[in-house]
Amino acid sequence: MPQQRHEAPSENGAERSVRERIVGAARQHFLAHGFRGVTMADLAEELGMSKKTLYAHFTGKTELLEAVLGAKFNEVESELAAITGRSPSDFAAGLHAFLTCLQRHAAEIQPPFVRDVGRDAPEVFQQIERRRRELIERHFGKLLTEGRREGLIRKDVPVRLILEILLGTLQSVMNPPKLTELGLTPQTGLTAILTVVLEGVITSAGSAGGSPERVAGRINEA
């Protein structure tokens, strides 16, 4: 029988490790400082590798940017799935964990990245909008359904309508031109939108025995 070869898996693992290191470094730089001013040569130098190695994994900055965003959204997806799976019958705990996750990930995205996406990569922003919608529909929808079952979400407004209001507001506000116009960061914009929407649909019981306005404070604490 022919001998089995074991080199390929280890080579593939090494390649994945290099790729992940590239994506991690680009993520830190792109999301905090933007990507327009950085070149592939700059990234290669920062990573201590040759441009040839960098281009062996990514054909250009746009492909690398897409990989960065894919990794980030996959991370958010995994965390939100864990939250909704861990608190299937505890709306309050699930909501707090959900908001904390979204706030943390929004805080990573700084104005220079928003500026560069709006100016240089509108097609990439379309991917961001699609993934954002999928995450909200899949995971926040589950959370709202549980909240309604517990009597903490108003029953006179359909969950589907709540989601559409949230998604429509996110699309209208959480885009590069509007964020710039309003002087908002992704984190402050997200906080404001969640505050307004949740205050409108959470019952007094869902606000821990107080008025729905108390939701705003808990969103800001998340």
N, C-alpha and C. Protein backbone atom coordinates (compact mmCIF):
# COMPACT_ATOMS: atom_id res chain seq x y z
N MET A 1 0.84 -1.20 0.00
CA MET A 1 0.00 0.00 0.00
C MET A 1 0.88 1.26 0.00
N PRO A 2 0.46 2.29 -0.68
CA PRO A 2 1.28 3.50 -0.69
C PRO A 2 1.29 4.14 0.69
N GLN A 3 2.41 4.76 1.04
CA GLN A 3 2.52 5.42 2.33
C GLN A 3 1.68 6.69 2.34
N GLN A 4 1.04 6.93 3.49
CA GLN A 4 0.27 8.15 3.64
C GLN A 4 1.21 9.33 3.86
N ARG A 5 0.86 10.46 3.27
CA ARG A 5 1.68 11.65 3.45
C ARG A 5 1.05 12.54 4.51
N HIS A 6 1.85 13.08 5.38
CA HIS A 6 1.34 13.91 6.46
C HIS A 6 1.81 15.36 6.35
N GLU A 7 2.57 15.66 5.29
CA GLU A 7 3.11 17.02 5.22
C GLU A 7 2.03 18.06 4.92
N ALA A 8 1.08 17.70 4.04
CA ALA A 8 0.10 18.69 3.58
C ALA A 8 -0.69 19.33 4.70
N PRO A 9 -1.27 18.52 5.67
CA PRO A 9 -2.04 19.16 6.72
C PRO A 9 -1.23 20.18 7.50
N SER A 10 0.07 19.83 7.81
CA SER A 10 0.89 20.76 8.56
C SER A 10 1.19 22.01 7.73
N GLU A 11 1.39 21.85 6.43
CA GLU A 11 1.62 22.99 5.55
C GLU A 11 0.36 23.86 5.49
N ASN A 12 -0.79 23.20 5.38
CA ASN A 12 -2.03 23.97 5.34
C ASN A 12 -2.24 24.73 6.64
N GLY A 13 -1.90 24.06 7.76
CA GLY A 13 -2.02 24.73 9.05
C GLY A 13 -1.10 25.92 9.15
N ALA A 14 0.11 25.78 8.64
CA ALA A 14 1.06 26.90 8.65
C ALA A 14 0.55 28.04 7.78
N GLU A 15 -0.01 27.70 6.64
CA GLU A 15 -0.55 28.73 5.75
C GLU A 15 -1.72 29.46 6.40
N ARG A 16 -2.58 28.69 7.08
CA ARG A 16 -3.70 29.32 7.77
C ARG A 16 -3.20 30.26 8.86
N SER A 17 -2.15 29.84 9.55
CA SER A 17 -1.59 30.67 10.61
C SER A 17 -1.06 31.99 10.07
N VAL A 18 -0.37 31.92 8.94
CA VAL A 18 0.15 33.15 8.31
C VAL A 18 -1.01 34.03 7.86
N ARG A 19 -1.99 33.41 7.25
CA ARG A 19 -3.15 34.17 6.77
C ARG A 19 -3.88 34.86 7.93
N GLU A 20 -4.06 34.14 9.02
CA GLU A 20 -4.73 34.70 10.19
C GLU A 20 -3.92 35.85 10.78
N ARG A 21 -2.60 35.72 10.76
CA ARG A 21 -1.75 36.79 11.28
C ARG A 21 -1.88 38.04 10.42
N ILE A 22 -1.94 37.85 9.12
CA ILE A 22 -2.10 38.98 8.20
C ILE A 22 -3.44 39.66 8.45
N VAL A 23 -4.50 38.85 8.52
CA VAL A 23 -5.84 39.40 8.73
C VAL A 23 -5.93 40.12 10.07
N GLY A 24 -5.31 39.55 11.12
CA GLY A 24 -5.35 40.18 12.43
C GLY A 24 -4.67 41.53 12.44
N ALA A 25 -3.50 41.62 11.81
CA ALA A 25 -2.78 42.89 11.76
C ALA A 25 -3.54 43.93 10.92
N ALA A 26 -4.08 43.48 9.79
CA ALA A 26 -4.84 44.39 8.93
C ALA A 26 -6.11 44.87 9.63
N ARG A 27 -6.73 43.97 10.39
CA ARG A 27 -7.95 44.35 11.11
C ARG A 27 -7.66 45.46 12.10
N GLN A 28 -6.60 45.33 12.87
CA GLN A 28 -6.26 46.36 13.84
C GLN A 28 -6.00 47.70 13.15
N HIS A 29 -5.29 47.65 12.03
CA HIS A 29 -4.94 48.90 11.34
C HIS A 29 -6.15 49.48 10.61
N PHE A 30 -6.83 48.66 9.79
CA PHE A 30 -7.92 49.16 8.96
C PHE A 30 -9.05 49.74 9.80
N LEU A 31 -9.52 49.00 10.79
CA LEU A 31 -10.70 49.43 11.53
C LEU A 31 -10.43 50.65 12.40
N ALA A 32 -9.20 50.80 12.86
CA ALA A 32 -8.87 51.95 13.72
C ALA A 32 -8.41 53.17 12.92
N HIS A 33 -7.63 52.95 11.89
CA HIS A 33 -6.98 54.07 11.19
C HIS A 33 -7.41 54.22 9.73
N GLY A 34 -8.27 53.34 9.25
CA GLY A 34 -8.64 53.37 7.85
C GLY A 34 -7.67 52.58 7.01
N PHE A 35 -8.00 52.41 5.73
CA PHE A 35 -7.16 51.59 4.86
C PHE A 35 -6.66 52.33 3.62
N ARG A 36 -7.13 53.54 3.40
CA ARG A 36 -6.74 54.23 2.18
C ARG A 36 -5.25 54.55 2.16
N GLY A 37 -4.71 54.96 3.30
CA GLY A 37 -3.33 55.41 3.34
C GLY A 37 -2.30 54.32 3.51
N VAL A 38 -2.74 53.09 3.78
CA VAL A 38 -1.78 52.01 4.00
C VAL A 38 -1.65 51.17 2.74
N THR A 39 -0.44 50.81 2.39
CA THR A 39 -0.20 49.98 1.21
C THR A 39 0.10 48.56 1.63
N MET A 40 0.07 47.65 0.67
CA MET A 40 0.42 46.26 0.96
C MET A 40 1.88 46.19 1.40
N ALA A 41 2.72 47.07 0.85
CA ALA A 41 4.13 47.10 1.26
C ALA A 41 4.25 47.51 2.73
N ASP A 42 3.42 48.48 3.15
CA ASP A 42 3.43 48.90 4.55
C ASP A 42 3.05 47.74 5.46
N LEU A 43 2.01 47.01 5.07
CA LEU A 43 1.55 45.88 5.88
C LEU A 43 2.62 44.79 5.95
N ALA A 44 3.25 44.52 4.82
CA ALA A 44 4.29 43.49 4.79
C ALA A 44 5.43 43.87 5.73
N GLU A 45 5.81 45.14 5.70
CA GLU A 45 6.90 45.60 6.57
C GLU A 45 6.49 45.49 8.04
N GLU A 46 5.25 45.89 8.34
CA GLU A 46 4.76 45.83 9.71
C GLU A 46 4.73 44.39 10.22
N LEU A 47 4.40 43.45 9.33
CA LEU A 47 4.32 42.04 9.70
C LEU A 47 5.68 41.35 9.67
N GLY A 48 6.69 42.02 9.14
CA GLY A 48 8.00 41.42 9.05
C GLY A 48 8.07 40.31 8.02
N MET A 49 7.34 40.49 6.92
CA MET A 49 7.37 39.49 5.85
C MET A 49 7.56 40.18 4.52
N SER A 50 7.86 39.40 3.51
CA SER A 50 8.06 39.97 2.18
C SER A 50 6.71 40.26 1.53
N LYS A 51 6.74 41.19 0.58
CA LYS A 51 5.52 41.45 -0.18
C LYS A 51 5.08 40.21 -0.94
N LYS A 52 6.05 39.41 -1.39
CA LYS A 52 5.73 38.19 -2.12
C LYS A 52 4.89 37.26 -1.25
N THR A 53 5.26 37.12 0.02
CA THR A 53 4.48 36.28 0.94
C THR A 53 3.08 36.83 1.13
N LEU A 54 2.99 38.14 1.30
CA LEU A 54 1.69 38.77 1.50
C LEU A 54 0.79 38.57 0.29
N TYR A 55 1.36 38.78 -0.91
CA TYR A 55 0.56 38.62 -2.12
C TYR A 55 0.25 37.16 -2.44
N ALA A 56 0.98 36.25 -1.84
CA ALA A 56 0.67 34.83 -2.01
C ALA A 56 -0.64 34.47 -1.33
N HIS A 57 -1.02 35.27 -0.34
CA HIS A 57 -2.26 35.01 0.41
C HIS A 57 -3.40 35.93 -0.02
N PHE A 58 -3.07 37.15 -0.44
CA PHE A 58 -4.10 38.12 -0.84
C PHE A 58 -3.61 38.86 -2.08
N THR A 59 -4.47 38.90 -3.08
CA THR A 59 -4.07 39.51 -4.35
C THR A 59 -4.01 41.03 -4.28
N GLY A 60 -4.65 41.61 -3.26
CA GLY A 60 -4.64 43.06 -3.14
C GLY A 60 -5.35 43.50 -1.88
N LYS A 61 -5.40 44.81 -1.69
CA LYS A 61 -5.94 45.36 -0.44
C LYS A 61 -7.45 45.13 -0.32
N THR A 62 -8.16 45.14 -1.45
CA THR A 62 -9.60 44.92 -1.38
C THR A 62 -9.91 43.51 -0.90
N GLU A 63 -9.19 42.54 -1.41
CA GLU A 63 -9.40 41.15 -0.97
C GLU A 63 -9.06 41.02 0.52
N LEU A 64 -8.01 41.68 0.95
CA LEU A 64 -7.63 41.64 2.37
C LEU A 64 -8.69 42.32 3.22
N LEU A 65 -9.22 43.44 2.76
CA LEU A 65 -10.28 44.13 3.48
C LEU A 65 -11.51 43.24 3.64
N GLU A 66 -11.88 42.55 2.56
CA GLU A 66 -13.02 41.63 2.63
C GLU A 66 -12.76 40.50 3.62
N ALA A 67 -11.52 40.03 3.68
CA ALA A 67 -11.17 38.98 4.64
C ALA A 67 -11.27 39.50 6.07
N VAL A 68 -10.84 40.73 6.29
CA VAL A 68 -10.92 41.35 7.62
C VAL A 68 -12.38 41.44 8.06
N LEU A 69 -13.25 41.92 7.18
CA LEU A 69 -14.66 42.06 7.53
C LEU A 69 -15.32 40.70 7.70
N GLY A 70 -14.93 39.74 6.85
CA GLY A 70 -15.48 38.40 7.00
C GLY A 70 -15.13 37.80 8.35
N ALA A 71 -13.88 37.98 8.78
CA ALA A 71 -13.45 37.46 10.08
C ALA A 71 -14.21 38.15 11.21
N LYS A 72 -14.40 39.45 11.09
CA LYS A 72 -15.12 40.18 12.14
C LYS A 72 -16.57 39.73 12.23
N PHE A 73 -17.24 39.63 11.10
CA PHE A 73 -18.64 39.21 11.12
C PHE A 73 -18.80 37.76 11.59
N ASN A 74 -17.85 36.92 11.23
CA ASN A 74 -17.90 35.54 11.71
C ASN A 74 -17.76 35.49 13.23
N GLU A 75 -16.92 36.36 13.76
CA GLU A 75 -16.73 36.45 15.21
C GLU A 75 -18.02 36.92 15.89
N VAL A 76 -18.64 37.95 15.32
CA VAL A 76 -19.90 38.45 15.88
C VAL A 76 -20.97 37.37 15.81
N GLU A 77 -21.05 36.70 14.67
CA GLU A 77 -22.02 35.62 14.49
C GLU A 77 -21.87 34.55 15.55
N SER A 78 -20.63 34.13 15.79
CA SER A 78 -20.36 33.09 16.78
C SER A 78 -20.75 33.54 18.18
N GLU A 79 -20.43 34.78 18.52
CA GLU A 79 -20.74 35.28 19.86
C GLU A 79 -22.25 35.44 20.06
N LEU A 80 -22.95 35.95 19.06
CA LEU A 80 -24.39 36.12 19.20
C LEU A 80 -25.10 34.78 19.26
N ALA A 81 -24.63 33.81 18.49
CA ALA A 81 -25.22 32.47 18.53
C ALA A 81 -25.04 31.86 19.91
N ALA A 82 -23.88 32.09 20.52
CA ALA A 82 -23.63 31.57 21.87
C ALA A 82 -24.55 32.26 22.88
N ILE A 83 -24.78 33.55 22.70
CA ILE A 83 -25.64 34.30 23.62
C ILE A 83 -27.08 33.81 23.54
N THR A 84 -27.61 33.71 22.34
CA THR A 84 -29.00 33.28 22.20
C THR A 84 -29.18 31.81 22.56
N GLY A 85 -28.12 31.03 22.42
CA GLY A 85 -28.19 29.63 22.82
C GLY A 85 -28.05 29.45 24.31
N ARG A 86 -27.29 30.34 24.95
CA ARG A 86 -27.02 30.23 26.38
C ARG A 86 -28.18 30.78 27.21
N SER A 87 -28.92 31.74 26.69
CA SER A 87 -30.02 32.35 27.44
C SER A 87 -31.33 32.24 26.66
N PRO A 88 -31.74 30.99 26.36
CA PRO A 88 -32.94 30.83 25.52
C PRO A 88 -34.22 31.23 26.24
N SER A 89 -34.22 31.29 27.57
CA SER A 89 -35.44 31.63 28.30
C SER A 89 -35.17 32.70 29.35
N ASP A 90 -34.26 33.60 29.07
CA ASP A 90 -33.95 34.71 29.98
C ASP A 90 -33.69 35.95 29.14
N PHE A 91 -34.76 36.66 28.85
CA PHE A 91 -34.66 37.81 27.95
C PHE A 91 -33.73 38.89 28.49
N ALA A 92 -33.85 39.19 29.79
CA ALA A 92 -33.05 40.28 30.37
C ALA A 92 -31.56 39.98 30.25
N ALA A 93 -31.15 38.77 30.61
CA ALA A 93 -29.73 38.40 30.54
C ALA A 93 -29.27 38.37 29.08
N GLY A 94 -30.12 37.81 28.23
CA GLY A 94 -29.77 37.73 26.82
C GLY A 94 -29.63 39.10 26.19
N LEU A 95 -30.53 40.02 26.54
CA LEU A 95 -30.49 41.37 25.98
C LEU A 95 -29.21 42.08 26.41
N HIS A 96 -28.87 41.97 27.69
CA HIS A 96 -27.65 42.64 28.18
C HIS A 96 -26.41 42.11 27.47
N ALA A 97 -26.33 40.77 27.33
CA ALA A 97 -25.17 40.17 26.67
C ALA A 97 -25.14 40.57 25.19
N PHE A 98 -26.31 40.61 24.57
CA PHE A 98 -26.43 40.97 23.16
C PHE A 98 -25.92 42.40 22.94
N LEU A 99 -26.40 43.32 23.78
CA LEU A 99 -26.01 44.73 23.64
C LEU A 99 -24.53 44.91 23.92
N THR A 100 -24.01 44.20 24.92
CA THR A 100 -22.58 44.29 25.24
C THR A 100 -21.74 43.86 24.05
N CYS A 101 -22.14 42.77 23.41
CA CYS A 101 -21.42 42.25 22.25
C CYS A 101 -21.43 43.28 21.11
N LEU A 102 -22.61 43.82 20.79
CA LEU A 102 -22.71 44.76 19.69
C LEU A 102 -21.92 46.04 19.97
N GLN A 103 -21.99 46.51 21.21
CA GLN A 103 -21.27 47.74 21.55
C GLN A 103 -19.76 47.54 21.43
N ARG A 104 -19.29 46.40 21.90
CA ARG A 104 -17.84 46.13 21.86
C ARG A 104 -17.35 46.08 20.42
N HIS A 105 -18.09 45.42 19.56
CA HIS A 105 -17.66 45.30 18.17
C HIS A 105 -17.81 46.64 17.43
N ALA A 106 -18.84 47.41 17.77
CA ALA A 106 -19.00 48.72 17.13
C ALA A 106 -17.88 49.66 17.54
N ALA A 107 -17.41 49.53 18.79
CA ALA A 107 -16.35 50.41 19.28
C ALA A 107 -15.04 50.20 18.53
N GLU A 108 -14.86 49.02 17.95
CA GLU A 108 -13.63 48.74 17.21
C GLU A 108 -13.55 49.53 15.91
N ILE A 109 -14.70 49.94 15.40
CA ILE A 109 -14.76 50.63 14.10
C ILE A 109 -14.71 52.13 14.34
N GLN A 110 -13.66 52.77 13.88
CA GLN A 110 -13.45 54.19 14.11
C GLN A 110 -13.75 55.01 12.85
N PRO A 111 -13.98 56.32 13.01
CA PRO A 111 -14.34 57.19 11.87
C PRO A 111 -13.44 57.06 10.64
N PRO A 112 -12.10 56.92 10.76
CA PRO A 112 -11.31 56.80 9.54
C PRO A 112 -11.71 55.61 8.66
N PHE A 113 -12.10 54.51 9.29
CA PHE A 113 -12.54 53.36 8.50
C PHE A 113 -13.86 53.68 7.79
N VAL A 114 -14.79 54.29 8.52
CA VAL A 114 -16.08 54.69 7.92
C VAL A 114 -15.84 55.61 6.74
N ARG A 115 -14.95 56.57 6.92
CA ARG A 115 -14.61 57.53 5.84
C ARG A 115 -14.09 56.80 4.61
N ASP A 116 -13.14 55.88 4.82
CA ASP A 116 -12.52 55.20 3.68
C ASP A 116 -13.48 54.27 2.96
N VAL A 117 -14.34 53.58 3.72
CA VAL A 117 -15.33 52.70 3.09
C VAL A 117 -16.28 53.52 2.23
N GLY A 118 -16.75 54.63 2.77
CA GLY A 118 -17.68 55.46 2.01
C GLY A 118 -17.06 56.06 0.77
N ARG A 119 -15.78 56.36 0.83
CA ARG A 119 -15.11 57.05 -0.29
C ARG A 119 -14.53 56.08 -1.31
N ASP A 120 -13.99 54.97 -0.84
CA ASP A 120 -13.21 54.11 -1.74
C ASP A 120 -13.76 52.71 -1.95
N ALA A 121 -14.71 52.27 -1.11
CA ALA A 121 -15.16 50.87 -1.23
C ALA A 121 -16.65 50.73 -0.99
N PRO A 122 -17.49 51.42 -1.79
CA PRO A 122 -18.94 51.31 -1.58
C PRO A 122 -19.45 49.88 -1.76
N GLU A 123 -18.80 49.10 -2.64
CA GLU A 123 -19.24 47.72 -2.83
C GLU A 123 -18.96 46.88 -1.59
N VAL A 124 -17.92 47.22 -0.86
CA VAL A 124 -17.63 46.52 0.40
C VAL A 124 -18.68 46.89 1.44
N PHE A 125 -19.11 48.16 1.45
CA PHE A 125 -20.14 48.55 2.42
C PHE A 125 -21.45 47.81 2.15
N GLN A 126 -21.74 47.50 0.90
CA GLN A 126 -22.94 46.72 0.60
C GLN A 126 -22.86 45.34 1.26
N GLN A 127 -21.68 44.76 1.30
CA GLN A 127 -21.49 43.48 1.99
C GLN A 127 -21.70 43.64 3.48
N ILE A 128 -21.24 44.76 4.03
CA ILE A 128 -21.43 45.03 5.46
C ILE A 128 -22.92 45.11 5.77
N GLU A 129 -23.66 45.83 4.96
CA GLU A 129 -25.10 45.96 5.18
C GLU A 129 -25.80 44.61 5.11
N ARG A 130 -25.41 43.77 4.16
CA ARG A 130 -26.05 42.46 4.01
C ARG A 130 -25.79 41.60 5.24
N ARG A 131 -24.53 41.52 5.67
CA ARG A 131 -24.20 40.70 6.83
C ARG A 131 -24.87 41.25 8.10
N ARG A 132 -24.92 42.56 8.22
CA ARG A 132 -25.57 43.18 9.39
C ARG A 132 -27.04 42.81 9.46
N ARG A 133 -27.70 42.87 8.32
CA ARG A 133 -29.12 42.52 8.28
C ARG A 133 -29.34 41.06 8.67
N GLU A 134 -28.50 40.18 8.15
CA GLU A 134 -28.63 38.76 8.46
C GLU A 134 -28.47 38.50 9.95
N LEU A 135 -27.47 39.15 10.57
CA LEU A 135 -27.24 38.95 12.00
C LEU A 135 -28.41 39.44 12.83
N ILE A 136 -28.93 40.63 12.51
CA ILE A 136 -30.05 41.20 13.27
C ILE A 136 -31.28 40.32 13.13
N GLU A 137 -31.59 39.91 11.91
CA GLU A 137 -32.78 39.09 11.69
C GLU A 137 -32.67 37.76 12.43
N ARG A 138 -31.52 37.14 12.35
CA ARG A 138 -31.36 35.79 12.92
C ARG A 138 -31.34 35.81 14.44
N HIS A 139 -30.54 36.68 15.02
CA HIS A 139 -30.30 36.61 16.45
C HIS A 139 -31.17 37.56 17.28
N PHE A 140 -31.34 38.79 16.83
CA PHE A 140 -32.19 39.70 17.59
C PHE A 140 -33.64 39.27 17.47
N GLY A 141 -33.99 38.67 16.34
CA GLY A 141 -35.35 38.15 16.19
C GLY A 141 -35.66 37.09 17.24
N LYS A 142 -34.70 36.19 17.50
CA LYS A 142 -34.88 35.16 18.53
C LYS A 142 -35.05 35.81 19.90
N LEU A 143 -34.25 36.82 20.17
CA LEU A 143 -34.30 37.50 21.46
C LEU A 143 -35.64 38.19 21.67
N LEU A 144 -36.12 38.88 20.65
CA LEU A 144 -37.41 39.56 20.76
C LEU A 144 -38.55 38.57 20.95
N THR A 145 -38.49 37.45 20.26
CA THR A 145 -39.52 36.43 20.40
C THR A 145 -39.58 35.91 21.83
N GLU A 146 -38.40 35.68 22.43
CA GLU A 146 -38.35 35.22 23.81
C GLU A 146 -38.87 36.31 24.76
N GLY A 147 -38.52 37.56 24.48
CA GLY A 147 -39.01 38.65 25.31
C GLY A 147 -40.52 38.76 25.26
N ARG A 148 -41.08 38.54 24.12
CA ARG A 148 -42.54 38.56 24.01
C ARG A 148 -43.15 37.41 24.80
N ARG A 149 -42.54 36.24 24.73
CA ARG A 149 -43.06 35.08 25.47
C ARG A 149 -43.06 35.34 26.97
N GLU A 150 -42.04 36.08 27.44
CA GLU A 150 -41.93 36.39 28.87
C GLU A 150 -42.76 37.61 29.26
N GLY A 151 -43.44 38.22 28.29
CA GLY A 151 -44.26 39.39 28.59
C GLY A 151 -43.46 40.67 28.75
N LEU A 152 -42.25 40.68 28.21
CA LEU A 152 -41.38 41.85 28.36
C LEU A 152 -41.28 42.69 27.09
N ILE A 153 -41.86 42.19 26.01
CA ILE A 153 -41.93 42.93 24.76
C ILE A 153 -43.40 43.13 24.41
N ARG A 154 -43.75 44.33 24.02
CA ARG A 154 -45.14 44.66 23.69
C ARG A 154 -45.73 43.67 22.69
N LYS A 155 -46.98 43.30 22.93
CA LYS A 155 -47.64 42.33 22.06
C LYS A 155 -48.41 42.99 20.93
N ASP A 156 -48.56 44.32 20.99
CA ASP A 156 -49.34 44.99 19.96
C ASP A 156 -48.50 45.38 18.74
N VAL A 157 -47.20 45.13 18.82
CA VAL A 157 -46.31 45.41 17.68
C VAL A 157 -45.64 44.10 17.27
N PRO A 158 -45.90 43.60 16.08
CA PRO A 158 -45.31 42.33 15.65
C PRO A 158 -43.79 42.36 15.68
N VAL A 159 -43.19 41.24 16.06
CA VAL A 159 -41.74 41.14 16.08
C VAL A 159 -41.14 41.46 14.71
N ARG A 160 -41.78 41.00 13.66
CA ARG A 160 -41.28 41.27 12.31
C ARG A 160 -41.23 42.77 12.03
N LEU A 161 -42.24 43.49 12.52
CA LEU A 161 -42.27 44.94 12.31
C LEU A 161 -41.18 45.63 13.13
N ILE A 162 -40.96 45.16 14.36
CA ILE A 162 -39.88 45.73 15.18
C ILE A 162 -38.54 45.56 14.46
N LEU A 163 -38.32 44.37 13.91
CA LEU A 163 -37.08 44.12 13.19
C LEU A 163 -36.93 45.03 11.98
N GLU A 164 -38.02 45.21 11.24
CA GLU A 164 -37.95 46.06 10.05
C GLU A 164 -37.70 47.52 10.42
N ILE A 165 -38.29 47.97 11.53
CA ILE A 165 -38.02 49.34 11.99
C ILE A 165 -36.55 49.49 12.35
N LEU A 166 -36.03 48.50 13.09
CA LEU A 166 -34.61 48.55 13.48
C LEU A 166 -33.71 48.50 12.26
N LEU A 167 -33.98 47.57 11.35
CA LEU A 167 -33.15 47.42 10.16
C LEU A 167 -33.22 48.65 9.27
N GLY A 168 -34.42 49.21 9.13
CA GLY A 168 -34.57 50.41 8.30
C GLY A 168 -33.82 51.60 8.88
N THR A 169 -33.87 51.73 10.21
CA THR A 169 -33.15 52.83 10.86
C THR A 169 -31.64 52.64 10.74
N LEU A 170 -31.19 51.40 10.93
CA LEU A 170 -29.76 51.13 10.77
C LEU A 170 -29.29 51.47 9.37
N GLN A 171 -30.08 51.10 8.37
CA GLN A 171 -29.69 51.37 6.98
C GLN A 171 -29.66 52.87 6.71
N SER A 172 -30.61 53.61 7.30
CA SER A 172 -30.68 55.05 7.05
C SER A 172 -29.59 55.84 7.76
N VAL A 173 -29.19 55.37 8.94
CA VAL A 173 -28.26 56.14 9.76
C VAL A 173 -26.85 55.57 9.74
N MET A 174 -26.74 54.23 9.81
CA MET A 174 -25.43 53.60 9.95
C MET A 174 -24.78 53.39 8.59
N ASN A 175 -24.57 54.48 7.88
CA ASN A 175 -23.86 54.44 6.60
C ASN A 175 -22.87 55.60 6.60
N PRO A 176 -21.80 55.50 5.83
CA PRO A 176 -20.74 56.51 5.91
C PRO A 176 -21.19 57.96 5.75
N PRO A 177 -21.99 58.32 4.73
CA PRO A 177 -22.36 59.73 4.59
C PRO A 177 -23.16 60.26 5.78
N LYS A 178 -24.13 59.45 6.25
CA LYS A 178 -24.99 59.94 7.33
C LYS A 178 -24.24 60.00 8.66
N LEU A 179 -23.40 59.02 8.94
CA LEU A 179 -22.61 59.07 10.17
C LEU A 179 -21.72 60.30 10.18
N THR A 180 -21.11 60.61 9.04
CA THR A 180 -20.26 61.79 8.94
C THR A 180 -21.08 63.06 9.11
N GLU A 181 -22.23 63.11 8.45
CA GLU A 181 -23.10 64.29 8.53
C GLU A 181 -23.54 64.56 9.97
N LEU A 182 -23.89 63.49 10.70
CA LEU A 182 -24.39 63.64 12.06
C LEU A 182 -23.28 63.68 13.11
N GLY A 183 -22.05 63.47 12.68
CA GLY A 183 -20.94 63.48 13.62
C GLY A 183 -20.96 62.32 14.59
N LEU A 184 -21.39 61.16 14.11
CA LEU A 184 -21.51 59.97 14.95
C LEU A 184 -20.41 58.97 14.64
N THR A 185 -20.02 58.22 15.64
CA THR A 185 -19.20 57.03 15.41
C THR A 185 -20.16 55.85 15.29
N PRO A 186 -19.71 54.71 14.76
CA PRO A 186 -20.60 53.54 14.73
C PRO A 186 -21.15 53.19 16.11
N GLN A 187 -20.34 53.34 17.15
CA GLN A 187 -20.80 52.99 18.49
C GLN A 187 -21.89 53.96 18.98
N THR A 188 -21.67 55.27 18.82
CA THR A 188 -22.67 56.22 19.31
C THR A 188 -23.95 56.14 18.48
N GLY A 189 -23.81 55.91 17.18
CA GLY A 189 -24.99 55.76 16.34
C GLY A 189 -25.79 54.53 16.71
N LEU A 190 -25.11 53.42 16.92
CA LEU A 190 -25.79 52.18 17.30
C LEU A 190 -26.49 52.34 18.65
N THR A 191 -25.82 52.98 19.61
CA THR A 191 -26.41 53.18 20.93
C THR A 191 -27.70 53.98 20.84
N ALA A 192 -27.67 55.06 20.06
CA ALA A 192 -28.85 55.91 19.93
C ALA A 192 -30.01 55.15 19.30
N ILE A 193 -29.73 54.40 18.25
CA ILE A 193 -30.79 53.66 17.55
C ILE A 193 -31.39 52.59 18.46
N LEU A 194 -30.55 51.82 19.13
CA LEU A 194 -31.06 50.78 20.03
C LEU A 194 -31.86 51.38 21.17
N THR A 195 -31.42 52.51 21.69
CA THR A 195 -32.15 53.17 22.77
C THR A 195 -33.57 53.52 22.33
N VAL A 196 -33.68 54.17 21.18
CA VAL A 196 -34.98 54.62 20.69
C VAL A 196 -35.90 53.43 20.41
N VAL A 197 -35.38 52.42 19.71
CA VAL A 197 -36.21 51.28 19.33
C VAL A 197 -36.63 50.48 20.56
N LEU A 198 -35.69 50.17 21.44
CA LEU A 198 -36.02 49.34 22.60
C LEU A 198 -36.92 50.06 23.59
N GLU A 199 -36.74 51.36 23.75
CA GLU A 199 -37.63 52.10 24.64
C GLU A 199 -39.07 52.02 24.14
N GLY A 200 -39.23 51.89 22.82
CA GLY A 200 -40.57 51.85 22.27
C GLY A 200 -41.26 50.51 22.37
N VAL A 201 -40.50 49.43 22.59
CA VAL A 201 -41.13 48.10 22.54
C VAL A 201 -41.02 47.30 23.84
N ILE A 202 -40.14 47.71 24.75
CA ILE A 202 -40.02 46.98 26.01
C ILE A 202 -41.07 47.46 26.99
N THR A 203 -41.75 46.53 27.65
CA THR A 203 -42.77 46.88 28.62
C THR A 203 -42.14 47.36 29.91
N SER A 204 -42.96 47.89 30.82
CA SER A 204 -42.45 48.33 32.12
C SER A 204 -41.82 47.17 32.87
N ALA A 205 -42.40 45.98 32.74
CA ALA A 205 -41.82 44.79 33.39
C ALA A 205 -40.45 44.51 32.82
N GLY A 206 -40.29 44.70 31.53
CA GLY A 206 -39.01 44.45 30.89
C GLY A 206 -37.96 45.48 31.27
N SER A 207 -38.41 46.61 31.78
CA SER A 207 -37.49 47.66 32.22
C SER A 207 -37.18 47.54 33.70
N ALA A 208 -37.31 46.36 34.23
CA ALA A 208 -36.99 46.07 35.64
C ALA A 208 -37.90 46.82 36.59
N GLY A 209 -39.19 46.84 36.24
CA GLY A 209 -40.15 47.41 37.16
C GLY A 209 -40.25 48.93 37.07
N GLY A 210 -39.50 49.55 36.20
CA GLY A 210 -39.55 51.00 36.08
C GLY A 210 -40.12 51.40 34.74
N SER A 211 -39.80 52.59 34.31
CA SER A 211 -40.30 53.09 33.04
C SER A 211 -39.41 52.58 31.91
N PRO A 212 -39.96 52.49 30.71
CA PRO A 212 -39.14 52.07 29.57
C PRO A 212 -37.90 52.93 29.35
N GLU A 213 -37.92 54.18 29.85
CA GLU A 213 -36.76 55.05 29.66
C GLU A 213 -35.52 54.51 30.35
N ARG A 214 -35.70 53.62 31.33
CA ARG A 214 -34.54 53.05 32.02
C ARG A 214 -33.71 52.16 31.10
N VAL A 215 -34.33 51.76 30.01
CA VAL A 215 -33.58 50.94 29.05
C VAL A 215 -32.36 51.68 28.54
N ALA A 216 -32.49 52.99 28.33
CA ALA A 216 -31.38 53.78 27.79
C ALA A 216 -30.15 53.66 28.67
N GLY A 217 -30.36 53.74 29.96
CA GLY A 217 -29.22 53.62 30.87
C GLY A 217 -28.55 52.28 30.76
N ARG A 218 -29.32 51.20 30.60
CA ARG A 218 -28.73 49.88 30.54
C ARG A 218 -28.01 49.65 29.20
N ILE A 219 -28.51 50.28 28.15
CA ILE A 219 -27.82 50.19 26.87
C ILE A 219 -26.46 50.87 26.98
N ASN A 220 -26.41 52.04 27.60
CA ASN A 220 -25.15 52.76 27.74
C ASN A 220 -24.18 52.04 28.67
N GLU A 221 -24.72 51.22 29.59
CA GLU A 221 -23.86 50.45 30.49
C GLU A 221 -23.28 49.23 29.79
N ALA A 222 -23.93 48.78 28.70
CA ALA A 222 -23.52 47.52 28.05
C ALA A 222 -22.14 47.65 27.45
